[in-house]
């Protein structure tokens, strides 16, 4: 697929624009709905060229982009040459493709002028873009949308196709500053890589919020949003991961040293306590054999006991300090235990039939290659295909929500699905209470143990779901999938890594690798699929559905 390069007559930038920063923001502040601070007194300067904005889920990346685009209530934002924001959640689809591109008014004005009943306002709206229809047709052809017209209904397109049209509109924008929030959402790998190259070559400043490794590796510089502000780094994802890994090694070394110091202190304290015991025993024997008055002996005994008490208190404090140092060092490592699915009713015997495909294809009525196959046991299937090939339709058929264009698919076990936004999680409900409800548990002790097995413990498990990170919310959702009643051993996941920060993706992979049931995963990230220990891959095209067995 080739991405159409901007051919709009208005898409040009002044050669002198690079002298002045494209965007300068000062004193930006933002808070969550509960009043907790996201960031405070934040400053940012953007020059021409692409940059990636990274950070943990919930740290405020999308909020920052909205502030830069809409103007900050607290602080100032100065832009030289205009700006445009591509949002992560664009809202309801308009009735026509040309409206999705933001060109509906111009298209209608051109149509009226060409029909001979336009007016001066229509001419002003069209400006010099008299070749708009030709430009649109060329762009659709370049994207591979052969049957698409400006008046087509975007509701009939796949999520990836709609996202490509939004990116097309952004690429034609004449603003100097372009803010992109998760631009690769719903895109297949080829489309994602192609659009990434397009925006890397764009004139002006491009700030991209993304967790897509393809985009992050291509970025010449990254800026990380953290609780203590922004930190710039030259290089892309590999440089960021190298720095992160170095920090982790430092924290792990600090934890190891804290444990060594604690063990050394424990041995030293043991020796000191033994000396105190021996000293007290000698003093007691001396008092018993001494010829002094009882008053003097009692006074000496009191002095000895007070001294020993102070010494033992100091030794106990030394031990407590060692324990505190180890706890603090462990907390700094952000270590998460490997997930364990104990007593999960979703485990499947090898011979249990899970799905049956018979001449199946989701969108082709007469496919060149259909699928006939019985899937048995804890199969782990990766479903891949280009945008518009029918992946979402196939998942809907597995959920029993629609039929296939060709053949049938029968699901032989209870099924459950997790969408990429985890929309079924109630934001206001504490994670532990929600899981207890799904497990039909009368108390929270067992659900608390289950969450701990997946790495969510203590106070975090009692937080409202809205306050948890993307990775923590995914742990709660997977816990419900594993231990909810009634059990449903077939898990369907549609782009589960989308919108997750890089550490949360690692946590998700660990969870899914340990899943004891069967699963079907749609993902455009080859690294995620490669890490899931798949047993099979389903390759879907508009007229083919092909199965590959993955070697262990």
Protein backbone atom coordinates (compact mmCIF):
# COMPACT_ATOMS: atom_id res chain seq x y z
CA UNK A 1 0.00 0.00 0.00
CA UNK A 2 1.24 3.48 -0.85
CA UNK A 3 0.16 6.43 1.23
CA UNK A 4 -0.91 9.44 -0.86
CA UNK A 5 1.49 12.34 -0.47
CA UNK A 6 -0.17 15.68 0.13
CA UNK A 7 -1.19 17.28 -3.10
CA UNK A 8 -3.30 20.02 -1.56
CA UNK A 9 -2.47 23.45 -2.98
CA UNK A 10 -2.41 24.88 0.54
CA UNK A 11 0.00 22.41 2.16
CA UNK A 12 3.22 24.44 2.33
CA UNK A 13 5.24 26.04 5.09
CA UNK A 14 7.49 29.06 5.10
CA UNK A 15 11.19 28.35 4.80
CA UNK A 16 11.80 30.68 7.72
CA UNK A 17 9.38 28.82 10.02
CA UNK A 18 12.15 26.62 11.44
CA UNK A 19 13.85 29.66 13.00
CA UNK A 20 11.01 30.20 15.50
CA UNK A 21 9.81 27.28 17.68
CA UNK A 22 6.66 25.77 16.24
CA UNK A 23 5.07 25.61 19.69
CA UNK A 24 5.96 26.95 23.10
CA UNK A 25 3.92 26.08 26.23
CA UNK A 26 4.52 27.35 29.75
CA UNK A 27 3.01 26.67 33.15
CA UNK A 28 0.61 23.90 32.09
CA UNK A 29 -1.29 22.12 34.86
CA UNK A 30 -3.89 19.35 34.84
CA UNK A 31 -5.69 17.18 37.39
CA UNK A 32 -7.76 14.01 37.36
CA UNK A 33 -11.48 13.98 38.09
CA UNK A 34 -10.76 13.06 41.71
CA UNK A 35 -8.58 16.16 42.13
CA UNK A 36 -5.21 14.41 42.11
CA UNK A 37 -2.52 16.18 40.10
CA UNK A 38 -1.46 14.85 36.71
CA UNK A 39 1.23 17.46 36.16
CA UNK A 40 1.94 20.98 37.33
CA UNK A 41 3.88 23.94 35.91
CA UNK A 42 4.83 21.98 32.80
CA UNK A 43 6.78 23.62 29.97
CA UNK A 44 7.31 22.33 26.44
CA UNK A 45 9.05 23.66 23.32
CA UNK A 46 8.51 21.99 19.94
CA UNK A 47 10.70 22.62 16.92
CA UNK A 48 10.11 21.32 13.40
CA UNK A 49 10.46 17.60 12.96
CA UNK A 50 8.83 14.49 14.46
CA UNK A 51 8.87 13.65 18.18
CA UNK A 52 7.24 10.86 20.16
CA UNK A 53 5.49 11.45 23.49
CA UNK A 54 5.58 8.41 25.78
CA UNK A 55 4.63 7.71 29.36
CA UNK A 56 2.69 5.35 31.59
CA UNK A 57 -1.05 4.91 31.10
CA UNK A 58 -2.96 7.59 32.99
CA UNK A 59 -0.03 10.01 33.28
CA UNK A 60 -1.81 12.61 31.10
CA UNK A 61 -0.47 12.32 27.54
CA UNK A 62 -3.84 12.76 25.83
CA UNK A 63 -4.74 15.52 28.28
CA UNK A 64 -1.53 17.34 27.37
CA UNK A 65 -2.28 17.09 23.64
CA UNK A 66 -5.77 18.51 24.21
CA UNK A 67 -4.31 21.40 26.20
CA UNK A 68 -1.80 22.13 23.46
CA UNK A 69 -4.58 22.07 20.89
CA UNK A 70 -7.39 23.88 22.71
CA UNK A 71 -5.35 26.30 24.80
CA UNK A 72 -4.56 25.80 28.46
CA UNK A 73 -6.72 27.22 31.23
CA UNK A 74 -3.67 27.27 33.47
CA UNK A 75 -0.58 28.40 31.55
CA UNK A 76 0.02 29.63 28.02
CA UNK A 77 0.39 27.96 24.62
CA UNK A 78 1.95 29.87 21.71
CA UNK A 79 1.83 28.35 18.21
CA UNK A 80 3.55 29.70 15.11
CA UNK A 81 1.74 28.58 11.97
CA UNK A 82 -1.38 26.86 13.33
CA UNK A 83 -1.98 23.38 14.69
CA UNK A 84 -4.31 20.42 14.33
CA UNK A 85 -5.11 17.50 16.65
CA UNK A 86 -6.01 13.96 15.61
CA UNK A 87 -7.80 12.61 18.66
CA UNK A 88 -7.67 9.09 19.98
CA UNK A 89 -11.48 8.87 20.31
CA UNK A 90 -12.99 10.79 17.37
CA UNK A 91 -16.65 10.20 18.24
CA UNK A 92 -19.57 9.16 16.00
CA UNK A 93 -18.94 8.74 12.29
CA UNK A 94 -20.39 11.37 9.92
CA UNK A 95 -22.71 10.29 7.09
CA UNK A 96 -20.16 10.58 4.25
CA UNK A 97 -16.50 9.81 3.71
CA UNK A 98 -15.88 13.38 2.53
CA UNK A 99 -17.23 14.63 5.88
CA UNK A 100 -14.87 12.32 7.72
CA UNK A 101 -12.06 14.00 5.78
CA UNK A 102 -13.30 17.42 6.86
CA UNK A 103 -13.94 18.42 3.27
CA UNK A 104 -17.73 18.11 3.13
CA UNK A 105 -18.48 21.82 2.83
CA UNK A 106 -15.85 22.30 0.10
CA UNK A 107 -17.08 19.21 -1.79
CA UNK A 108 -20.70 20.42 -1.72
CA UNK A 109 -19.69 23.93 -2.81
CA UNK A 110 -17.71 22.50 -5.72
CA UNK A 111 -20.64 20.34 -6.77
CA UNK A 112 -22.96 23.37 -6.79
CA UNK A 113 -20.49 25.44 -8.80
CA UNK A 114 -20.00 22.66 -11.35
CA UNK A 115 -23.78 22.31 -11.64
CA UNK A 116 -24.04 26.01 -12.44
CA UNK A 117 -25.93 27.25 -9.37
CA UNK A 118 -23.16 28.14 -6.96
CA UNK A 119 -22.53 31.59 -5.52
CA UNK A 120 -19.65 33.74 -4.29
CA UNK A 121 -19.56 31.96 -0.94
CA UNK A 122 -19.17 28.64 -2.72
CA UNK A 123 -16.31 30.01 -4.81
CA UNK A 124 -14.60 31.28 -1.67
CA UNK A 125 -15.06 27.89 -0.01
CA UNK A 126 -13.54 26.02 -2.95
CA UNK A 127 -10.68 28.53 -3.23
CA UNK A 128 -8.14 27.01 -5.67
CA UNK A 129 -9.06 23.38 -4.95
CA UNK A 130 -10.98 22.79 -8.22
CA UNK A 131 -9.41 19.35 -8.62
CA UNK A 132 -10.75 18.11 -5.27
CA UNK A 133 -12.69 15.17 -6.71
CA UNK A 134 -9.68 14.00 -8.72
CA UNK A 135 -7.46 14.41 -5.67
CA UNK A 136 -9.84 12.31 -3.58
CA UNK A 137 -10.09 9.58 -6.23
CA UNK A 138 -6.29 9.37 -6.51
CA UNK A 139 -5.94 9.21 -2.73
CA UNK A 140 -8.52 6.44 -2.37
CA UNK A 141 -6.81 4.43 -5.11
CA UNK A 142 -3.42 4.84 -3.43
CA UNK A 143 -4.91 3.52 -0.18
CA UNK A 144 -6.38 0.52 -1.98
CA UNK A 145 -9.99 1.65 -1.46
CA UNK A 146 -11.06 0.88 -5.02
CA UNK A 147 -14.84 1.16 -4.60
CA UNK A 148 -14.83 4.14 -2.26
CA UNK A 149 -16.42 7.43 -3.28
CA UNK A 150 -16.64 10.77 -1.45
CA UNK A 151 -20.31 10.08 -0.62
CA UNK A 152 -19.77 6.53 0.66
CA UNK A 153 -20.99 5.73 4.18
CA UNK A 154 -17.93 5.38 6.49
CA UNK A 155 -20.06 3.23 8.80
CA UNK A 156 -19.62 0.43 6.27
CA UNK A 157 -15.83 0.59 6.52
CA UNK A 158 -13.59 -1.19 9.01
CA UNK A 159 -12.04 0.64 11.92
CA UNK A 160 -8.66 0.58 10.19
CA UNK A 161 -10.06 2.03 6.97
CA UNK A 162 -11.74 4.87 8.85
CA UNK A 163 -8.51 5.56 10.71
CA UNK A 164 -6.60 5.76 7.42
CA UNK A 165 -9.06 8.39 6.19
CA UNK A 166 -8.52 10.41 9.36
CA UNK A 167 -4.78 10.19 8.82
CA UNK A 168 -5.26 11.26 5.21
CA UNK A 169 -7.08 14.36 6.41
CA UNK A 170 -4.31 15.08 8.91
CA UNK A 171 -1.62 14.68 6.24
CA UNK A 172 -3.42 17.26 4.06
CA UNK A 173 -3.63 19.77 6.89
CA UNK A 174 -1.63 22.99 6.31
CA UNK A 175 -0.98 23.62 10.05
CA UNK A 176 2.66 23.79 11.06
CA UNK A 177 2.04 21.75 14.24
CA UNK A 178 0.36 18.35 14.02
CA UNK A 179 -0.62 16.51 17.21
CA UNK A 180 -1.39 12.80 16.72
CA UNK A 181 -2.93 10.73 19.53
CA UNK A 182 -2.45 6.98 18.90
CA UNK A 183 -2.47 7.34 15.09
CA UNK A 184 -1.86 3.64 14.41
CA UNK A 185 -5.01 2.49 16.22
CA UNK A 186 -6.82 -0.21 14.18
CA UNK A 187 -4.15 -0.13 11.42
CA UNK A 188 -2.60 -3.28 10.04
CA UNK A 189 1.20 -3.47 10.14
CA UNK A 190 1.74 -2.41 6.50
CA UNK A 191 -0.58 0.59 6.78
CA UNK A 192 0.93 1.62 10.11
CA UNK A 193 4.48 1.54 8.74
CA UNK A 194 3.47 3.43 5.60
CA UNK A 195 1.73 6.24 7.50
CA UNK A 196 4.64 6.45 9.90
CA UNK A 197 7.00 7.13 6.99
CA UNK A 198 4.59 9.75 5.65
CA UNK A 199 4.51 11.77 8.87
CA UNK A 200 8.24 11.43 9.46
CA UNK A 201 8.76 13.28 6.16
CA UNK A 202 6.16 15.95 6.85
CA UNK A 203 7.25 19.58 7.07
CA UNK A 204 6.64 21.29 10.39
CA UNK A 205 6.43 19.80 13.86
CA UNK A 206 4.72 16.47 14.53
CA UNK A 207 4.17 15.31 18.11
CA UNK A 208 2.93 11.71 18.30
CA UNK A 209 1.47 9.96 21.33
CA UNK A 210 1.83 6.27 20.56
CA UNK A 211 2.72 2.91 22.05
CA UNK A 212 3.31 1.41 18.61
CA UNK A 213 6.89 0.06 18.43
CA UNK A 214 7.07 0.74 14.68
CA UNK A 215 6.42 4.45 15.20
CA UNK A 216 8.54 4.75 18.33
CA UNK A 217 11.58 3.11 16.76
CA UNK A 218 11.40 5.55 13.84
CA UNK A 219 11.26 8.68 16.02
CA UNK A 220 14.50 10.69 16.13
CA UNK A 221 13.65 11.86 19.66
CA UNK A 222 11.27 10.97 22.45
CA UNK A 223 9.90 12.95 25.36
CA UNK A 224 8.59 11.06 28.38
CA UNK A 225 5.82 12.55 30.52
CA UNK A 226 6.29 11.61 34.15
CA UNK A 227 4.93 12.78 37.47
CA UNK A 228 7.98 15.04 37.88
CA UNK A 229 7.75 16.61 34.40
CA UNK A 230 9.04 16.01 30.88
CA UNK A 231 12.32 14.32 30.01
CA UNK A 232 13.71 14.47 26.46
CA UNK A 233 15.86 11.74 24.95
CA UNK A 234 17.62 11.56 21.58
CA UNK A 235 16.83 8.35 19.73
CA UNK A 236 13.74 6.19 19.49
CA UNK A 237 12.34 3.18 21.28
CA UNK A 238 15.59 1.21 21.42
CA UNK A 239 17.39 4.10 23.13
CA UNK A 240 14.48 4.57 25.56
CA UNK A 241 14.44 0.87 26.43
CA UNK A 242 18.20 0.85 26.92
CA UNK A 243 17.89 3.75 29.37
CA UNK A 244 14.95 2.06 31.12
CA UNK A 245 16.84 -1.23 31.39
CA UNK A 246 19.87 0.56 32.78
CA UNK A 247 17.69 2.19 35.44
CA UNK A 248 16.15 -1.18 36.26
CA UNK A 249 19.58 -2.75 36.62
CA UNK A 250 20.55 0.04 39.01
CA UNK A 251 17.44 -0.51 41.13
CA UNK A 252 17.97 -4.28 41.09
CA UNK A 253 21.61 -3.77 42.13
CA UNK A 254 20.44 -1.42 44.89
CA UNK A 255 17.98 -4.08 46.10
CA UNK A 256 20.67 -6.76 46.09
CA UNK A 257 23.01 -4.47 48.04
CA UNK A 258 20.24 -3.62 50.53
CA UNK A 259 19.66 -7.32 51.13
CA UNK A 260 23.40 -7.91 51.60
CA UNK A 261 23.58 -4.99 54.04
CA UNK A 262 20.54 -6.31 55.94
CA UNK A 263 22.05 -9.80 56.19
CA UNK A 264 25.34 -8.31 57.39
CA UNK A 265 23.47 -6.23 59.96
CA UNK A 266 21.51 -9.28 61.13
CA UNK A 267 24.74 -11.19 61.72
CA UNK A 268 26.32 -8.25 63.52
CA UNK A 269 23.23 -7.73 65.67
CA UNK A 270 23.23 -11.44 66.53
CA UNK A 271 26.82 -11.19 67.72
CA UNK A 272 26.13 -8.03 69.75
CA UNK A 273 23.09 -9.63 71.39
CA UNK A 274 25.18 -12.65 72.29
CA UNK A 275 27.80 -10.35 73.91
CA UNK A 276 25.06 -8.52 75.81
CA UNK A 277 23.68 -11.81 77.07
CA UNK A 278 27.15 -12.95 78.14
CA UNK A 279 27.87 -9.60 79.83
CA UNK A 280 24.57 -9.72 81.70
CA UNK A 281 25.25 -13.30 82.80
CA UNK A 282 28.71 -12.36 84.11
CA UNK A 283 27.27 -9.38 85.94
CA UNK A 284 24.61 -11.55 87.55
CA UNK A 285 27.22 -14.10 88.72
CA UNK A 286 29.40 -11.32 90.13
CA UNK A 287 26.48 -9.83 92.05
CA UNK A 288 25.58 -13.23 93.42
CA UNK A 289 29.15 -13.82 94.75
CA UNK A 290 29.85 -10.20 95.73
CA UNK A 291 30.16 -9.17 99.43
CA UNK A 292 28.59 -5.74 98.84
CA UNK A 293 25.42 -4.37 100.40
CA UNK A 294 22.07 -5.22 98.78
CA UNK A 295 21.45 -1.51 98.08
CA UNK A 296 24.63 -1.17 96.04
CA UNK A 297 23.94 -4.45 94.24
CA UNK A 298 20.43 -3.35 93.30
CA UNK A 299 21.79 -0.02 92.02
CA UNK A 300 24.42 -1.80 89.88
CA UNK A 301 21.79 -4.19 88.56
CA UNK A 302 19.52 -1.31 87.57
CA UNK A 303 22.35 0.45 85.74
CA UNK A 304 23.23 -2.74 83.88
CA UNK A 305 19.64 -3.38 82.85
CA UNK A 306 19.16 0.21 81.61
CA UNK A 307 22.37 0.01 79.58
CA UNK A 308 21.37 -3.37 78.13
CA UNK A 309 17.90 -2.03 77.28
CA UNK A 310 19.33 0.92 75.38
CA UNK A 311 21.77 -1.35 73.57
CA UNK A 312 19.04 -3.83 72.62
CA UNK A 313 16.80 -0.98 71.41
CA UNK A 314 19.59 0.31 69.19
CA UNK A 315 20.12 -3.18 67.78
CA UNK A 316 16.39 -3.58 67.08
CA UNK A 317 16.37 -0.22 65.31
CA UNK A 318 19.32 -1.33 63.21
CA UNK A 319 17.36 -4.39 62.11
CA UNK A 320 14.27 -2.27 61.38
CA UNK A 321 16.37 0.14 59.30
CA UNK A 322 17.66 -2.77 57.26
CA UNK A 323 14.12 -4.04 56.63
CA UNK A 324 12.98 -0.55 55.60
CA UNK A 325 15.90 -0.18 53.19
CA UNK A 326 15.03 -3.51 51.54
CA UNK A 327 11.34 -2.61 51.26
CA UNK A 328 12.16 0.77 49.73
CA UNK A 329 14.62 -0.80 47.28
CA UNK A 330 12.08 -3.48 46.33
CA UNK A 331 9.38 -0.86 45.73
CA UNK A 332 11.77 1.05 43.44
CA UNK A 333 12.25 -2.05 41.26
CA UNK A 334 8.51 -2.12 40.42
CA UNK A 335 8.81 -5.90 40.40
CA UNK A 336 5.73 -7.89 39.42
CA UNK A 337 5.55 -11.63 40.12
CA UNK A 338 4.91 -14.05 37.28
CA UNK A 339 1.13 -14.55 36.99
CA UNK A 340 -0.38 -17.78 38.29
CA UNK A 341 -3.88 -19.02 37.41
CA UNK A 342 -4.55 -21.24 40.42
CA UNK A 343 -7.83 -23.22 40.44
CA UNK A 344 -9.04 -21.48 37.27
CA UNK A 345 -12.03 -23.34 35.83
CA UNK A 346 -11.08 -22.25 32.28
CA UNK A 347 -8.39 -24.91 31.87
CA UNK A 348 -9.14 -27.19 28.91
CA UNK A 349 -8.25 -30.85 28.29
CA UNK A 350 -6.34 -31.49 25.09
CA UNK A 351 -9.12 -33.43 23.39
CA UNK A 352 -11.94 -30.97 24.13
CA UNK A 353 -13.31 -29.42 20.93
CA UNK A 354 -13.30 -25.63 21.20
CA UNK A 355 -14.26 -24.42 17.71
CA UNK A 356 -15.34 -26.01 14.42
CA UNK A 357 -14.82 -24.20 11.10
CA UNK A 358 -16.59 -25.57 8.01
CA UNK A 359 -15.84 -23.84 4.69
CA UNK A 360 -15.51 -20.61 6.67
CA UNK A 361 -14.74 -17.11 5.45
CA UNK A 362 -16.15 -13.97 7.11
CA UNK A 363 -16.65 -11.64 4.12
CA UNK A 364 -16.22 -13.57 0.85
CA UNK A 365 -19.26 -15.41 -0.44
CA UNK A 366 -17.16 -17.53 -2.79
CA UNK A 367 -13.64 -17.45 -1.27
CA UNK A 368 -10.60 -18.71 -3.11
CA UNK A 369 -9.61 -20.49 0.11
CA UNK A 370 -11.94 -21.21 3.03
CA UNK A 371 -11.15 -22.86 6.37
CA UNK A 372 -12.32 -26.27 7.53
CA UNK A 373 -10.80 -27.20 10.87
CA UNK A 374 -11.59 -28.50 14.36
CA UNK A 375 -9.73 -26.57 17.07
CA UNK A 376 -9.25 -28.66 20.21
CA UNK A 377 -7.81 -28.07 23.66
CA UNK A 378 -5.99 -24.94 24.87
CA UNK A 379 -5.24 -23.61 21.38
CA UNK A 380 -3.62 -20.18 21.16
CA UNK A 381 -4.52 -18.55 17.84
CA UNK A 382 -3.21 -15.32 16.40
CA UNK A 383 -5.55 -13.76 13.81
CA UNK A 384 -3.82 -11.46 11.33
CA UNK A 385 -4.97 -9.65 8.22
CA UNK A 386 -5.11 -6.28 6.53
CA UNK A 387 -7.70 -3.63 7.33
CA UNK A 388 -11.07 -4.57 5.87
CA UNK A 389 -10.26 -8.27 5.51
CA UNK A 390 -12.96 -9.29 8.00
CA UNK A 391 -11.18 -9.86 11.34
CA UNK A 392 -13.83 -8.06 13.39
CA UNK A 393 -16.59 -9.94 11.53
CA UNK A 394 -14.93 -13.25 12.37
CA UNK A 395 -14.66 -12.33 16.06
CA UNK A 396 -18.32 -11.30 16.06
CA UNK A 397 -19.23 -14.65 14.52
CA UNK A 398 -17.26 -16.44 17.26
CA UNK A 399 -19.29 -14.46 19.81
CA UNK A 400 -22.49 -15.53 18.09
CA UNK A 401 -23.38 -12.00 16.99
CA UNK A 402 -23.37 -12.53 13.22
CA UNK A 403 -22.99 -15.16 10.51
CA UNK A 404 -20.20 -15.68 8.00
CA UNK A 405 -20.44 -14.82 4.31
CA UNK A 406 -19.25 -18.35 3.53
CA UNK A 407 -19.59 -21.52 5.60
CA UNK A 408 -20.07 -21.71 9.35
CA UNK A 409 -18.14 -21.48 12.58
CA UNK A 410 -19.37 -23.24 15.72
CA UNK A 411 -18.03 -22.42 19.19
CA UNK A 412 -18.27 -25.51 21.41
CA UNK A 413 -17.39 -23.96 24.79
CA UNK A 414 -18.53 -20.79 26.59
CA UNK A 415 -16.81 -17.71 25.19
CA UNK A 416 -15.91 -14.29 26.54
CA UNK A 417 -14.35 -11.26 24.91
CA UNK A 418 -12.15 -8.37 26.02
CA UNK A 419 -12.24 -5.26 23.86
CA UNK A 420 -9.18 -3.06 23.64
CA UNK A 421 -10.77 -0.26 25.70
CA UNK A 422 -12.02 -2.63 28.48
CA UNK A 423 -15.35 -0.83 28.25
CA UNK A 424 -17.09 -3.32 30.57
CA UNK A 425 -15.05 -2.25 33.60
CA UNK A 426 -17.07 0.09 35.88
CA UNK A 427 -14.82 3.07 36.55
CA UNK A 428 -16.23 3.96 39.97
CA UNK A 429 -16.13 0.44 41.44
CA UNK A 430 -13.07 -0.80 43.37
CA UNK A 431 -11.23 -3.53 41.51
CA UNK A 432 -11.52 -5.99 44.39
CA UNK A 433 -15.29 -5.49 44.79
CA UNK A 434 -15.91 -5.88 41.06
CA UNK A 435 -13.93 -9.12 40.90
CA UNK A 436 -15.73 -10.46 43.99
CA UNK A 437 -19.04 -9.74 42.25
CA UNK A 438 -17.94 -11.50 39.06
CA UNK A 439 -16.67 -14.48 41.07
CA UNK A 440 -19.94 -14.60 43.06
CA UNK A 441 -17.79 -14.56 46.19
CA UNK A 442 -19.38 -13.58 49.48
CA UNK A 443 -16.13 -12.14 50.86
CA UNK A 444 -13.10 -10.47 49.30
CA UNK A 445 -10.35 -12.69 50.73
CA UNK A 446 -10.34 -15.15 47.81
CA UNK A 447 -10.61 -12.42 45.11
CA UNK A 448 -7.78 -10.54 46.83
CA UNK A 449 -5.63 -13.66 46.62
CA UNK A 450 -6.51 -14.08 42.94
CA UNK A 451 -5.52 -10.49 42.13
CA UNK A 452 -2.28 -10.95 44.05
CA UNK A 453 -1.49 -14.00 41.90
CA UNK A 454 -1.65 -11.68 38.87
CA UNK A 455 0.46 -8.95 40.48
CA UNK A 456 -2.18 -6.54 41.88
CA UNK A 457 -1.92 -6.35 45.65
CA UNK A 458 -2.75 -4.29 48.70
CA UNK A 459 -4.14 -0.79 48.35
CA UNK A 460 -3.99 -0.87 44.54
CA UNK A 461 -6.56 -3.67 44.47
CA UNK A 462 -8.93 -1.48 46.51
CA UNK A 463 -8.67 1.53 44.20
CA UNK A 464 -11.56 2.44 41.86
CA UNK A 465 -10.91 0.96 38.45
CA UNK A 466 -10.72 4.42 36.87
CA UNK A 467 -7.60 5.19 38.95
CA UNK A 468 -5.68 2.10 37.85
CA UNK A 469 -3.17 2.10 35.01
CA UNK A 470 -3.94 0.37 31.73
CA UNK A 471 -1.82 -2.62 32.73
CA UNK A 472 -3.52 -2.88 36.13
CA UNK A 473 -7.00 -2.68 34.53
CA UNK A 474 -5.97 -5.45 32.14
CA UNK A 475 -4.92 -7.61 35.13
CA UNK A 476 -8.34 -7.12 36.72
CA UNK A 477 -10.10 -7.99 33.45
CA UNK A 478 -7.98 -11.11 32.96
CA UNK A 479 -8.62 -12.13 36.59
CA UNK A 480 -12.36 -11.87 35.97
CA UNK A 481 -11.98 -13.85 32.76
CA UNK A 482 -10.11 -16.62 34.61
CA UNK A 483 -12.19 -16.92 37.79
CA UNK A 484 -15.64 -15.49 37.02
CA UNK A 485 -18.65 -17.75 37.28
CA UNK A 486 -19.87 -19.33 35.09
CA UNK A 487 -16.50 -20.15 33.56
CA UNK A 488 -15.85 -19.35 29.88
CA UNK A 489 -12.60 -20.97 28.68
CA UNK A 490 -12.41 -19.36 25.20
CA UNK A 491 -11.03 -15.81 25.39
CA UNK A 492 -11.30 -13.44 22.41
CA UNK A 493 -9.08 -10.35 22.37
CA UNK A 494 -9.22 -7.59 19.76
CA UNK A 495 -6.00 -5.54 19.75
CA UNK A 496 -5.46 -6.02 23.52
CA UNK A 497 -2.15 -4.12 23.49
CA UNK A 498 -3.63 -1.01 21.88
CA UNK A 499 -3.49 2.04 24.18
CA UNK A 500 -1.28 0.23 26.70
CA UNK A 501 2.04 1.73 27.69
CA UNK A 502 5.18 -0.30 27.03
CA UNK A 503 5.46 -1.75 30.55
CA UNK A 504 1.75 -2.65 30.51
CA UNK A 505 2.23 -4.51 27.22
CA UNK A 506 4.92 -6.59 28.91
CA UNK A 507 2.48 -7.34 31.75
CA UNK A 508 -0.27 -8.26 29.28
CA UNK A 509 2.02 -10.68 27.44
CA UNK A 510 2.95 -12.35 30.74
CA UNK A 511 -0.75 -12.72 31.63
CA UNK A 512 -1.73 -14.19 28.28
CA UNK A 513 1.22 -16.58 28.19
CA UNK A 514 -0.09 -18.05 31.44
CA UNK A 515 -3.74 -18.25 30.31
CA UNK A 516 -4.79 -21.92 30.79
CA UNK A 517 -7.77 -21.87 28.41
CA UNK A 518 -8.00 -21.24 24.67
CA UNK A 519 -7.60 -17.81 23.13
CA UNK A 520 -7.94 -15.96 19.83
CA UNK A 521 -5.94 -12.74 19.59
CA UNK A 522 -6.20 -10.08 16.89
CA UNK A 523 -3.11 -7.91 16.84
CA UNK A 524 -1.19 -5.89 14.29
CA UNK A 525 1.93 -6.00 16.50
CA UNK A 526 4.10 -8.96 15.42
CA UNK A 527 6.18 -8.69 18.60
CA UNK A 528 3.10 -9.22 20.79
CA UNK A 529 1.97 -12.26 18.79
CA UNK A 530 5.48 -13.73 18.76
CA UNK A 531 5.65 -13.44 22.55
CA UNK A 532 2.34 -15.24 23.21
CA UNK A 533 3.55 -18.79 22.46
CA UNK A 534 0.91 -19.25 19.78
CA UNK A 535 -0.05 -22.72 18.60
CA UNK A 536 -1.66 -21.49 15.33
CA UNK A 537 -1.96 -18.43 13.12
CA UNK A 538 -4.98 -17.59 11.01
CA UNK A 539 -4.08 -15.47 7.96
CA UNK A 540 -7.14 -13.63 6.68
CA UNK A 541 -7.46 -11.86 3.33
CA UNK A 542 -10.57 -10.64 1.52
CA UNK A 543 -10.96 -14.00 -0.22
CA UNK A 544 -8.73 -16.39 1.75
CA UNK A 545 -8.62 -17.80 5.30
CA UNK A 546 -5.49 -19.88 5.81
CA UNK A 547 -4.28 -21.76 8.90
CA UNK A 548 -0.65 -22.24 9.90
CA UNK A 549 0.57 -24.39 12.78
CA UNK A 550 3.29 -22.65 14.79
CA UNK A 551 6.32 -24.75 15.71
CA UNK A 552 6.99 -24.87 19.44
